PDB file of N, CA and C in Angstrom:
ATOM      1  N   UNK A   1      17.631  25.641 123.330  1.00  0.00           N
ATOM      2  CA  UNK A   1      18.253  26.792 122.706  1.00  0.00           C
ATOM      3  C   UNK A   1      18.679  27.839 123.737  1.00  0.00           C
ATOM      4  N   UNK A   2      17.930  27.940 124.840  1.00  0.00           N
ATOM      5  CA  UNK A   2      18.252  28.966 125.828  1.00  0.00           C
ATOM      6  C   UNK A   2      19.610  28.706 126.468  1.00  0.00           C
ATOM      7  N   UNK A   3      19.960  27.443 126.719  1.00  0.00           N
ATOM      8  CA  UNK A   3      21.252  27.159 127.330  1.00  0.00           C
ATOM      9  C   UNK A   3      22.395  27.488 126.375  1.00  0.00           C
ATOM     10  N   UNK A   4      22.183  27.269 125.067  1.00  0.00           N
ATOM     11  CA  UNK A   4      23.200  27.633 124.085  1.00  0.00           C
ATOM     12  C   UNK A   4      23.388  29.140 124.051  1.00  0.00           C
ATOM     13  N   UNK A   5      22.295  29.872 124.110  1.00  0.00           N
ATOM     14  CA  UNK A   5      22.342  31.332 124.092  1.00  0.00           C
ATOM     15  C   UNK A   5      23.066  31.840 125.342  1.00  0.00           C
ATOM     16  N   UNK A   6      22.771  31.264 126.498  1.00  0.00           N
ATOM     17  CA  UNK A   6      23.409  31.682 127.744  1.00  0.00           C
ATOM     18  C   UNK A   6      24.904  31.379 127.715  1.00  0.00           C
ATOM     19  N   UNK A   7      25.266  30.180 127.278  1.00  0.00           N
ATOM     20  CA  UNK A   7      26.678  29.805 127.209  1.00  0.00           C
ATOM     21  C   UNK A   7      27.427  30.707 126.240  1.00  0.00           C
ATOM     22  N   UNK A   8      26.812  31.010 125.115  1.00  0.00           N
ATOM     23  CA  UNK A   8      27.485  31.870 124.139  1.00  0.00           C
ATOM     24  C   UNK A   8      27.696  33.276 124.695  1.00  0.00           C
ATOM     25  N   UNK A   9      26.736  33.784 125.439  1.00  0.00           N
ATOM     26  CA  UNK A   9      26.887  35.117 126.021  1.00  0.00           C
ATOM     27  C   UNK A   9      27.942  35.120 127.131  1.00  0.00           C
ATOM     28  N   UNK A  10      28.043  34.035 127.876  1.00  0.00           N
ATOM     29  CA  UNK A  10      29.092  33.924 128.898  1.00  0.00           C
ATOM     30  C   UNK A  10      30.464  33.909 128.234  1.00  0.00           C
ATOM     31  N   UNK A  11      30.606  33.103 127.165  1.00  0.00           N
ATOM     32  CA  UNK A  11      31.883  33.054 126.451  1.00  0.00           C
ATOM     33  C   UNK A  11      32.215  34.403 125.820  1.00  0.00           C
ATOM     34  N   UNK A  12      31.218  35.073 125.280  1.00  0.00           N
ATOM     35  CA  UNK A  12      31.440  36.395 124.699  1.00  0.00           C
ATOM     36  C   UNK A  12      31.887  37.381 125.773  1.00  0.00           C
ATOM     37  N   UNK A  13      31.265  37.320 126.935  1.00  0.00           N
ATOM     38  CA  UNK A  13      31.663  38.189 128.038  1.00  0.00           C
ATOM     39  C   UNK A  13      33.089  37.928 128.488  1.00  0.00           C
ATOM     40  N   UNK A  14      33.450  36.654 128.601  1.00  0.00           N
ATOM     41  CA  UNK A  14      34.821  36.296 128.984  1.00  0.00           C
ATOM     42  C   UNK A  14      35.804  36.811 127.945  1.00  0.00           C
ATOM     43  N   UNK A  15      35.447  36.622 126.667  1.00  0.00           N
ATOM     44  CA  UNK A  15      36.317  37.071 125.584  1.00  0.00           C
ATOM     45  C   UNK A  15      36.536  38.578 125.647  1.00  0.00           C
ATOM     46  N   UNK A  16      35.468  39.328 125.860  1.00  0.00           N
ATOM     47  CA  UNK A  16      35.591  40.783 125.933  1.00  0.00           C
ATOM     48  C   UNK A  16      36.447  41.222 127.121  1.00  0.00           C
ATOM     49  N   UNK A  17      36.284  40.564 128.250  1.00  0.00           N
ATOM     50  CA  UNK A  17      37.088  40.895 129.433  1.00  0.00           C
ATOM     51  C   UNK A  17      38.560  40.600 129.176  1.00  0.00           C
ATOM     52  N   UNK A  18      38.854  39.444 128.587  1.00  0.00           N
ATOM     53  CA  UNK A  18      40.244  39.071 128.305  1.00  0.00           C
ATOM     54  C   UNK A  18      40.872  40.056 127.321  1.00  0.00           C
ATOM     55  N   UNK A  19      40.139  40.420 126.270  1.00  0.00           N
ATOM     56  CA  UNK A  19      40.658  41.391 125.302  1.00  0.00           C
ATOM     57  C   UNK A  19      40.928  42.735 125.983  1.00  0.00           C
ATOM     58  N   UNK A  20      40.039  43.144 126.868  1.00  0.00           N
ATOM     59  CA  UNK A  20      40.241  44.396 127.593  1.00  0.00           C
ATOM     60  C   UNK A  20      41.463  44.357 128.490  1.00  0.00           C
ATOM     61  N   UNK A  21      41.645  43.257 129.196  1.00  0.00           N
ATOM     62  CA  UNK A  21      42.814  43.116 130.072  1.00  0.00           C
ATOM     63  C   UNK A  21      44.099  43.113 129.254  1.00  0.00           C
ATOM     64  N   UNK A  22      44.077  42.414 128.114  1.00  0.00           N
ATOM     65  CA  UNK A  22      45.262  42.369 127.257  1.00  0.00           C
ATOM     66  C   UNK A  22      45.607  43.766 126.744  1.00  0.00           C
ATOM     67  N   UNK A  23      44.591  44.561 126.419  1.00  0.00           N
ATOM     68  CA  UNK A  23      44.831  45.915 125.907  1.00  0.00           C
ATOM     69  C   UNK A  23      45.422  46.831 126.976  1.00  0.00           C
ATOM     70  N   UNK A  24      45.013  46.642 128.223  1.00  0.00           N
ATOM     71  CA  UNK A  24      45.476  47.519 129.303  1.00  0.00           C
ATOM     72  C   UNK A  24      46.817  47.059 129.870  1.00  0.00           C
ATOM     73  N   UNK A  25      46.956  45.762 130.068  1.00  0.00           N
ATOM     74  CA  UNK A  25      48.151  45.201 130.698  1.00  0.00           C
ATOM     75  C   UNK A  25      48.796  44.225 129.721  1.00  0.00           C
ATOM     76  N   UNK A  26      50.059  44.371 129.505  1.00  0.00           N
ATOM     77  CA  UNK A  26      50.774  43.436 128.634  1.00  0.00           C
ATOM     78  C   UNK A  26      51.070  42.159 129.416  1.00  0.00           C
ATOM     79  N   UNK A  27      50.375  41.083 129.062  1.00  0.00           N
ATOM     80  CA  UNK A  27      50.530  39.809 129.761  1.00  0.00           C
ATOM     81  C   UNK A  27      51.342  38.863 128.877  1.00  0.00           C
ATOM     82  N   UNK A  28      52.536  38.477 129.302  1.00  0.00           N
ATOM     83  CA  UNK A  28      53.379  37.610 128.469  1.00  0.00           C
ATOM     84  C   UNK A  28      53.065  36.119 128.655  1.00  0.00           C
ATOM     85  N   UNK A  29      51.943  35.680 128.144  1.00  0.00           N
ATOM     86  CA  UNK A  29      51.614  34.260 128.179  1.00  0.00           C
ATOM     87  C   UNK A  29      51.834  33.685 126.785  1.00  0.00           C
ATOM     88  N   UNK A  30      52.447  32.506 126.692  1.00  0.00           N
ATOM     89  CA  UNK A  30      52.850  31.984 125.381  1.00  0.00           C
ATOM     90  C   UNK A  30      51.699  31.693 124.415  1.00  0.00           C
ATOM     91  N   UNK A  31      50.590  31.175 124.887  1.00  0.00           N
ATOM     92  CA  UNK A  31      49.511  30.780 123.987  1.00  0.00           C
ATOM     93  C   UNK A  31      48.258  31.632 124.177  1.00  0.00           C
ATOM     94  N   UNK A  32      48.427  32.857 124.643  1.00  0.00           N
ATOM     95  CA  UNK A  32      47.282  33.716 124.930  1.00  0.00           C
ATOM     96  C   UNK A  32      46.479  34.040 123.673  1.00  0.00           C
ATOM     97  N   UNK A  33      47.159  34.294 122.563  1.00  0.00           N
ATOM     98  CA  UNK A  33      46.445  34.606 121.322  1.00  0.00           C
ATOM     99  C   UNK A  33      45.591  33.436 120.851  1.00  0.00           C
ATOM    100  N   UNK A  34      46.092  32.228 120.996  1.00  0.00           N
ATOM    101  CA  UNK A  34      45.337  31.042 120.583  1.00  0.00           C
ATOM    102  C   UNK A  34      44.119  30.857 121.478  1.00  0.00           C
ATOM    103  N   UNK A  35      44.288  31.058 122.776  1.00  0.00           N
ATOM    104  CA  UNK A  35      43.169  30.913 123.715  1.00  0.00           C
ATOM    105  C   UNK A  35      42.081  31.942 123.417  1.00  0.00           C
ATOM    106  N   UNK A  36      42.479  33.179 123.167  1.00  0.00           N
ATOM    107  CA  UNK A  36      41.513  34.236 122.865  1.00  0.00           C
ATOM    108  C   UNK A  36      40.793  33.938 121.550  1.00  0.00           C
ATOM    109  N   UNK A  37      41.526  33.464 120.561  1.00  0.00           N
ATOM    110  CA  UNK A  37      40.912  33.128 119.277  1.00  0.00           C
ATOM    111  C   UNK A  37      39.919  31.980 119.425  1.00  0.00           C
ATOM    112  N   UNK A  38      40.252  30.972 120.212  1.00  0.00           N
ATOM    113  CA  UNK A  38      39.338  29.845 120.429  1.00  0.00           C
ATOM    114  C   UNK A  38      38.079  30.288 121.170  1.00  0.00           C
ATOM    115  N   UNK A  39      38.229  31.183 122.139  1.00  0.00           N
ATOM    116  CA  UNK A  39      37.059  31.728 122.833  1.00  0.00           C
ATOM    117  C   UNK A  39      36.150  32.483 121.871  1.00  0.00           C
ATOM    118  N   UNK A  40      36.749  33.269 120.988  1.00  0.00           N
ATOM    119  CA  UNK A  40      35.964  34.033 120.017  1.00  0.00           C
ATOM    120  C   UNK A  40      35.232  33.108 119.053  1.00  0.00           C
ATOM    121  N   UNK A  41      35.902  32.068 118.574  1.00  0.00           N
ATOM    122  CA  UNK A  41      35.275  31.112 117.656  1.00  0.00           C
ATOM    123  C   UNK A  41      34.131  30.385 118.339  1.00  0.00           C
ATOM    124  N   UNK A  42      34.355  29.945 119.571  1.00  0.00           N
ATOM    125  CA  UNK A  42      33.306  29.218 120.296  1.00  0.00           C
ATOM    126  C   UNK A  42      32.097  30.112 120.554  1.00  0.00           C
ATOM    127  N   UNK A  43      32.333  31.330 120.993  1.00  0.00           N
ATOM    128  CA  UNK A  43      31.215  32.243 121.261  1.00  0.00           C
ATOM    129  C   UNK A  43      30.459  32.570 119.984  1.00  0.00           C
ATOM    130  N   UNK A  44      31.178  32.855 118.920  1.00  0.00           N
ATOM    131  CA  UNK A  44      30.531  33.171 117.646  1.00  0.00           C
ATOM    132  C   UNK A  44      29.716  32.015 117.103  1.00  0.00           C
ATOM    133  N   UNK A  45      30.267  30.810 117.169  1.00  0.00           N
ATOM    134  CA  UNK A  45      29.547  29.635 116.673  1.00  0.00           C
ATOM    135  C   UNK A  45      28.287  29.380 117.490  1.00  0.00           C
ATOM    136  N   UNK A  46      28.379  29.507 118.805  1.00  0.00           N
ATOM    137  CA  UNK A  46      27.205  29.274 119.646  1.00  0.00           C
ATOM    138  C   UNK A  46      26.142  30.348 119.449  1.00  0.00           C
ATOM    139  N   UNK A  47      26.560  31.572 119.221  1.00  0.00           N
ATOM    140  CA  UNK A  47      25.583  32.632 118.947  1.00  0.00           C
ATOM    141  C   UNK A  47      24.859  32.344 117.635  1.00  0.00           C
ATOM    142  N   UNK A  48      25.601  31.934 116.607  1.00  0.00           N
ATOM    143  CA  UNK A  48      24.974  31.618 115.324  1.00  0.00           C
ATOM    144  C   UNK A  48      24.061  30.399 115.422  1.00  0.00           C
ATOM    145  N   UNK A  49      24.451  29.406 116.198  1.00  0.00           N
ATOM    146  CA  UNK A  49      23.613  28.211 116.367  1.00  0.00           C
ATOM    147  C   UNK A  49      22.348  28.517 117.156  1.00  0.00           C
ATOM    148  N   UNK A  50      22.421  29.514 118.017  1.00  0.00           N
ATOM    149  CA  UNK A  50      21.272  29.877 118.831  1.00  0.00           C
ATOM    150  C   UNK A  50      20.206  30.637 118.071  1.00  0.00           C
ATOM    151  N   UNK A  51      20.502  31.098 116.881  1.00  0.00           N
ATOM    152  CA  UNK A  51      19.522  31.873 116.099  1.00  0.00           C
ATOM    153  C   UNK A  51      18.664  30.988 115.270  1.00  0.00           C
TER     154      UNK A  51
END
C-alpha cells in the first residue's frame, strides 16, 4: 500500500505543477488537456485505492 500512496502523491504533485504552469504560461500543446485529465484520474484512483 505504501508504494501506491507514494506513486499517487507523485502523480498528484506532477498534476498540480502542470496545472500551475498552464495557468501562468499559455502552452499550445494539442493534447495537453487530455494528458492533464489522465494524470488527475490516475492520481485520484491511486489515492482512493490506497485508503
